[in-house]
Amino acid sequence: MSQTQAPIDEVLDALSRGEIDQAEARERLLSLQARPLGFATLDLDRPRRCGAAEVIFAEGKTPEQVVAIVRTLREQGGCVLATRCTDEQVAMVQSAFGGNDQLLVDALARTIIVGDPPAPADAAPVCIVTAGTSDLPVAREALSTCVAYGQPAELIVDVGVAGLHRLLGRLDTIKRSSVVITVAGMEAALPSVMGGLIEAPIIAVPTSVGYGSHFEGLAALLSCLNACASGIATVNIDNGFGAAVMACRINALAHPNTVEAS
């Protein structure tokens, strides 16, 4: 997702060489801020403002719309991440870009990365921990996001509180991280337990996994919000992407001598 200021530099260089006048330079610079596609208006200035390019939320979009957005974002440089993709959307993206671009598809996470992701930063990995195997789709969405943002990540699976010894056996690995994402459904006790065991900030992701009246993840969400342990922030149900973006930003701040590729 890394994007440089090359398009802006090209406009300024052309202006300084007298190849274009101020009016044309102004028009070109404005065109770099947003790109209307009829069905969407892409925010091309986001890397400068926020340090990260726009990510495609594919749900509800047609395969043709996803391809058009990918194509426009790829023109700006860097890789492009699309989340919540259908099989049809993935197939059309593969057909449109598979010949020229590297494609990283995670069918379980429903993500696709188009183009070469940045090399992982020289930093401690973001640790993504799931309570159960059923939480893997959300956890892998977080993992794909870390890959696209150029932050190293490690996935630890199925260490929920139903067998607490499994979590304790991985604590040495978890404690090496600057930030931990916990992904848990049902009663979502994992982030509370983790909050009493580690120093790093925790981002809790409640999932819509559970028996009976879990209310599609609402029970897990309320558990995370009401955690008695400190140092826990909670994102919305199944929002692995949002948790990973926050984790990548924290990780970049925790390792200021590295460059966040985002």
Protein backbone atom coordinates (compact mmCIF):
# COMPACT_ATOMS: atom_id res chain seq x y z
CA MET A 1 0.00 0.00 0.00
CA SER A 2 3.03 2.25 0.03
CA GLN A 3 2.55 5.25 -2.23
CA THR A 4 5.12 7.94 -2.96
CA GLN A 5 4.72 11.62 -3.78
CA ALA A 6 6.01 10.97 -7.32
CA PRO A 7 2.87 12.30 -9.10
CA ILE A 8 3.03 15.58 -7.18
CA ASP A 9 6.78 15.85 -7.78
CA GLU A 10 6.23 15.34 -11.50
CA VAL A 11 3.74 18.21 -11.62
CA LEU A 12 6.03 20.53 -9.66
CA ASP A 13 9.02 19.60 -11.80
CA ALA A 14 7.05 20.28 -14.98
CA LEU A 15 5.99 23.66 -13.59
CA SER A 16 9.55 24.59 -12.63
CA ARG A 17 10.79 23.66 -16.12
CA GLY A 18 8.11 25.84 -17.71
CA GLU A 19 6.45 22.91 -19.44
CA ILE A 20 3.08 23.78 -17.89
CA ASP A 21 1.64 26.99 -16.46
CA GLN A 22 0.16 27.57 -13.00
CA ALA A 23 -3.40 26.94 -14.17
CA GLU A 24 -2.55 23.53 -15.60
CA ALA A 25 -0.44 22.68 -12.55
CA ARG A 26 -3.39 23.53 -10.32
CA GLU A 27 -5.72 21.30 -12.34
CA ARG A 28 -3.28 18.41 -12.25
CA LEU A 29 -2.75 18.71 -8.51
CA LEU A 30 -6.49 18.82 -7.88
CA SER A 31 -6.92 15.69 -9.98
CA LEU A 32 -4.50 13.92 -7.67
CA GLN A 33 -6.76 14.52 -4.65
CA ALA A 34 -9.87 12.67 -5.83
CA ARG A 35 -10.92 10.63 -8.83
CA PRO A 36 -14.64 10.37 -9.68
CA LEU A 37 -15.62 7.07 -11.28
CA GLY A 38 -19.35 7.65 -11.46
CA PHE A 39 -20.17 4.99 -8.88
CA ALA A 40 -17.38 6.05 -6.50
CA THR A 41 -15.08 8.98 -5.77
CA LEU A 42 -11.65 7.71 -4.80
CA ASP A 43 -9.66 9.58 -2.19
CA LEU A 44 -6.21 9.69 -3.80
CA ASP A 45 -4.87 12.21 -1.27
CA ARG A 46 -5.30 9.85 1.66
CA PRO A 47 -1.68 8.60 1.72
CA ARG A 48 -0.41 12.16 2.25
CA ARG A 49 -2.98 12.99 4.92
CA CYS A 50 -3.24 9.69 6.75
CA GLY A 51 -0.16 7.71 5.76
CA ALA A 52 -2.15 4.93 4.11
CA ALA A 53 -3.93 4.49 0.81
CA GLU A 54 -7.63 3.79 0.50
CA VAL A 55 -8.70 0.17 1.01
CA ILE A 56 -11.54 -1.34 -1.01
CA PHE A 57 -14.49 -2.61 1.01
CA ALA A 58 -15.78 -4.95 -1.69
CA GLU A 59 -19.05 -5.97 -0.06
CA GLY A 60 -22.01 -4.64 -2.05
CA LYS A 61 -19.90 -3.70 -5.08
CA THR A 62 -20.08 -5.43 -8.44
CA PRO A 63 -16.99 -7.27 -9.69
CA GLU A 64 -16.64 -4.65 -12.43
CA GLN A 65 -16.65 -1.84 -9.88
CA VAL A 66 -13.98 -3.57 -7.80
CA VAL A 67 -11.76 -3.99 -10.87
CA ALA A 68 -12.18 -0.33 -11.83
CA ILE A 69 -11.25 0.83 -8.33
CA VAL A 70 -8.25 -1.49 -8.19
CA ARG A 71 -7.05 -0.21 -11.56
CA THR A 72 -7.28 3.43 -10.47
CA LEU A 73 -5.52 2.83 -7.16
CA ARG A 74 -2.79 0.78 -8.82
CA GLU A 75 -2.03 3.74 -11.07
CA GLN A 76 -0.94 5.64 -7.96
CA GLY A 77 1.68 3.02 -7.07
CA GLY A 78 1.86 0.50 -4.25
CA CYS A 79 -0.29 -2.53 -3.65
CA VAL A 80 -4.06 -2.46 -3.26
CA LEU A 81 -6.01 -4.30 -0.57
CA ALA A 82 -9.64 -5.35 -1.03
CA THR A 83 -11.61 -6.88 1.83
CA ARG A 84 -14.88 -8.85 2.09
CA CYS A 85 -14.54 -10.09 -1.49
CA THR A 86 -16.86 -12.58 -3.13
CA ASP A 87 -15.57 -15.42 -5.29
CA GLU A 88 -16.87 -13.60 -8.37
CA GLN A 89 -15.01 -10.41 -7.46
CA VAL A 90 -11.78 -12.32 -6.84
CA ALA A 91 -12.10 -14.17 -10.14
CA MET A 92 -12.56 -10.95 -12.12
CA VAL A 93 -9.65 -9.25 -10.36
CA GLN A 94 -7.46 -12.27 -11.09
CA SER A 95 -8.50 -12.16 -14.73
CA ALA A 96 -7.82 -8.42 -15.02
CA PHE A 97 -4.51 -8.24 -13.17
CA GLY A 98 -3.12 -11.75 -12.83
CA GLY A 99 -0.89 -11.43 -15.87
CA ASN A 100 1.06 -8.40 -14.69
CA ASP A 101 0.64 -8.11 -10.92
CA GLN A 102 1.35 -10.35 -8.00
CA LEU A 103 -1.92 -11.41 -6.39
CA LEU A 104 -2.28 -12.62 -2.82
CA VAL A 105 -5.69 -14.19 -2.26
CA ASP A 106 -6.88 -15.40 1.13
CA ALA A 107 -10.17 -17.19 0.52
CA LEU A 108 -10.83 -17.67 4.24
CA ALA A 109 -10.28 -13.99 5.00
CA ARG A 110 -12.05 -12.93 1.78
CA THR A 111 -9.18 -10.58 0.97
CA ILE A 112 -7.05 -9.96 -2.09
CA ILE A 113 -3.85 -7.92 -2.37
CA VAL A 114 -3.00 -6.70 -5.87
CA GLY A 115 0.64 -5.81 -6.45
CA ASP A 116 3.74 -6.43 -4.37
CA PRO A 117 3.19 -5.62 -0.69
CA PRO A 118 6.00 -3.72 1.01
CA ALA A 119 8.71 -5.69 2.76
CA PRO A 120 7.87 -6.12 6.45
CA ALA A 121 9.29 -3.38 8.64
CA ASP A 122 12.16 -4.25 10.97
CA ALA A 123 9.92 -4.27 14.01
CA ALA A 124 8.35 -6.61 16.52
CA PRO A 125 5.44 -8.45 14.94
CA VAL A 126 1.82 -7.58 15.56
CA CYS A 127 0.51 -10.61 17.43
CA ILE A 128 -2.94 -11.81 16.32
CA VAL A 129 -4.42 -14.31 18.78
CA THR A 130 -7.66 -16.24 18.29
CA ALA A 131 -9.75 -17.90 20.96
CA GLY A 132 -10.86 -20.62 18.55
CA THR A 133 -10.49 -21.93 15.03
CA SER A 134 -13.90 -20.48 14.15
CA ASP A 135 -12.44 -16.99 14.67
CA LEU A 136 -9.87 -17.54 11.89
CA PRO A 137 -11.67 -15.66 9.07
CA VAL A 138 -11.59 -12.43 11.07
CA ALA A 139 -8.04 -13.05 12.27
CA ARG A 140 -6.80 -13.70 8.76
CA GLU A 141 -8.43 -10.48 7.56
CA ALA A 142 -6.28 -8.74 10.17
CA LEU A 143 -3.24 -10.68 8.97
CA SER A 144 -3.81 -9.70 5.32
CA THR A 145 -4.12 -6.08 6.39
CA CYS A 146 -0.80 -6.20 8.22
CA VAL A 147 0.84 -7.68 5.12
CA ALA A 148 -0.56 -4.89 2.93
CA TYR A 149 0.61 -2.26 5.43
CA GLY A 150 4.12 -3.66 5.60
CA GLN A 151 3.99 -4.57 9.27
CA PRO A 152 5.19 -8.00 10.42
CA ALA A 153 2.51 -10.15 12.03
CA GLU A 154 2.29 -13.50 13.76
CA LEU A 155 -0.90 -15.56 14.04
CA ILE A 156 -1.54 -17.71 17.12
CA VAL A 157 -4.65 -19.86 16.80
CA ASP A 158 -7.06 -21.59 19.19
CA VAL A 159 -5.76 -20.57 22.63
CA GLY A 160 -9.05 -19.52 24.24
CA VAL A 161 -9.91 -19.76 27.91
CA ALA A 162 -11.61 -23.15 27.57
CA GLY A 163 -8.06 -24.53 27.73
CA LEU A 164 -6.08 -21.78 29.44
CA HIS A 165 -2.84 -23.79 29.44
CA ARG A 166 -2.71 -23.33 25.65
CA LEU A 167 -2.50 -19.54 26.07
CA LEU A 168 0.04 -19.72 28.87
CA GLY A 169 2.22 -21.89 26.69
CA ARG A 170 2.44 -19.11 24.06
CA LEU A 171 2.93 -16.14 26.38
CA ASP A 172 6.64 -15.80 25.69
CA THR A 173 5.90 -15.26 22.01
CA ILE A 174 3.00 -12.91 22.68
CA LYS A 175 5.03 -10.77 25.08
CA ARG A 176 7.54 -9.98 22.34
CA SER A 177 4.90 -7.93 20.53
CA SER A 178 4.29 -4.20 20.90
CA VAL A 179 0.56 -4.65 20.29
CA VAL A 180 -1.75 -7.67 20.42
CA ILE A 181 -5.01 -8.28 18.60
CA THR A 182 -7.34 -10.75 20.30
CA VAL A 183 -10.12 -12.30 18.21
CA ALA A 184 -12.84 -14.06 20.19
CA GLY A 185 -16.52 -14.94 19.99
CA MET A 186 -18.95 -16.58 22.42
CA GLU A 187 -18.35 -14.83 25.78
CA ALA A 188 -15.09 -13.28 24.47
CA ALA A 189 -13.16 -13.75 27.70
CA LEU A 190 -9.78 -13.87 25.95
CA PRO A 191 -9.00 -10.12 25.91
CA SER A 192 -9.79 -9.79 29.63
CA VAL A 193 -7.51 -12.69 30.50
CA MET A 194 -4.80 -11.37 28.21
CA GLY A 195 -5.08 -7.92 29.78
CA GLY A 196 -4.04 -9.39 33.12
CA LEU A 197 -1.01 -11.15 31.69
CA ILE A 198 0.80 -8.79 29.29
CA GLU A 199 2.06 -5.21 29.17
CA ALA A 200 1.32 -4.46 25.51
CA PRO A 201 -1.91 -2.70 24.46
CA ILE A 202 -4.66 -5.05 23.36
CA ILE A 203 -7.16 -4.54 20.56
CA ALA A 204 -10.17 -6.79 21.09
CA VAL A 205 -12.18 -8.01 18.12
CA PRO A 206 -15.47 -9.65 19.10
CA THR A 207 -16.72 -12.13 16.52
CA SER A 208 -20.17 -13.34 15.55
CA VAL A 209 -19.35 -16.87 16.68
CA GLY A 210 -21.25 -18.71 19.39
CA TYR A 211 -24.11 -20.94 20.48
CA GLY A 212 -27.65 -19.87 21.20
CA SER A 213 -28.38 -16.25 22.04
CA HIS A 214 -25.05 -14.67 21.27
CA PHE A 215 -27.00 -12.13 19.17
CA GLU A 216 -24.63 -12.32 16.18
CA GLY A 217 -21.66 -11.16 18.23
CA LEU A 218 -23.38 -8.59 20.45
CA ALA A 219 -22.73 -10.70 23.56
CA ALA A 220 -19.03 -10.84 22.70
CA LEU A 221 -18.96 -7.11 21.97
CA LEU A 222 -20.45 -6.27 25.35
CA SER A 223 -17.96 -8.57 27.08
CA CYS A 224 -15.05 -6.79 25.41
CA LEU A 225 -16.44 -3.34 26.21
CA ASN A 226 -16.96 -4.32 29.86
CA ALA A 227 -13.58 -5.99 30.35
CA CYS A 228 -12.25 -5.46 33.86
CA ALA A 229 -8.63 -5.53 32.68
CA SER A 230 -7.08 -2.24 31.62
CA GLY A 231 -5.30 -1.44 28.38
CA ILE A 232 -7.97 -2.93 26.11
CA ALA A 233 -9.58 -1.13 23.18
CA THR A 234 -12.46 -2.73 21.29
CA VAL A 235 -13.43 -2.51 17.63
CA ASN A 236 -16.75 -3.55 16.17
CA ILE A 237 -17.93 -7.11 15.59
CA ASP A 238 -15.81 -9.04 13.03
CA ASN A 239 -13.74 -5.94 12.21
CA GLY A 240 -10.37 -7.58 11.72
CA PHE A 241 -9.40 -4.90 9.22
CA GLY A 242 -10.01 -2.01 11.62
CA ALA A 243 -8.13 -3.75 14.42
CA ALA A 244 -5.14 -4.35 12.15
CA VAL A 245 -4.97 -0.76 10.95
CA MET A 246 -4.87 0.45 14.56
CA ALA A 247 -2.28 -2.19 15.44
CA CYS A 248 -0.07 -1.21 12.50
CA ARG A 249 -0.12 2.42 13.58
CA ILE A 250 0.74 1.51 17.16
CA ASN A 251 3.52 -0.79 15.98
CA ALA A 252 5.00 1.93 13.79
CA LEU A 253 5.02 4.37 16.72
CA ALA A 254 6.57 1.75 18.96
CA HIS A 255 9.43 1.35 16.49
CA PRO A 256 10.20 4.92 15.34
CA ASN A 257 13.42 3.91 13.58
CA THR A 258 11.41 1.91 11.06
CA VAL A 259 9.28 3.25 8.22
CA GLU A 260 5.62 2.28 8.26
CA ALA A 261 4.85 1.07 4.78
CA SER A 262 1.22 1.94 4.45
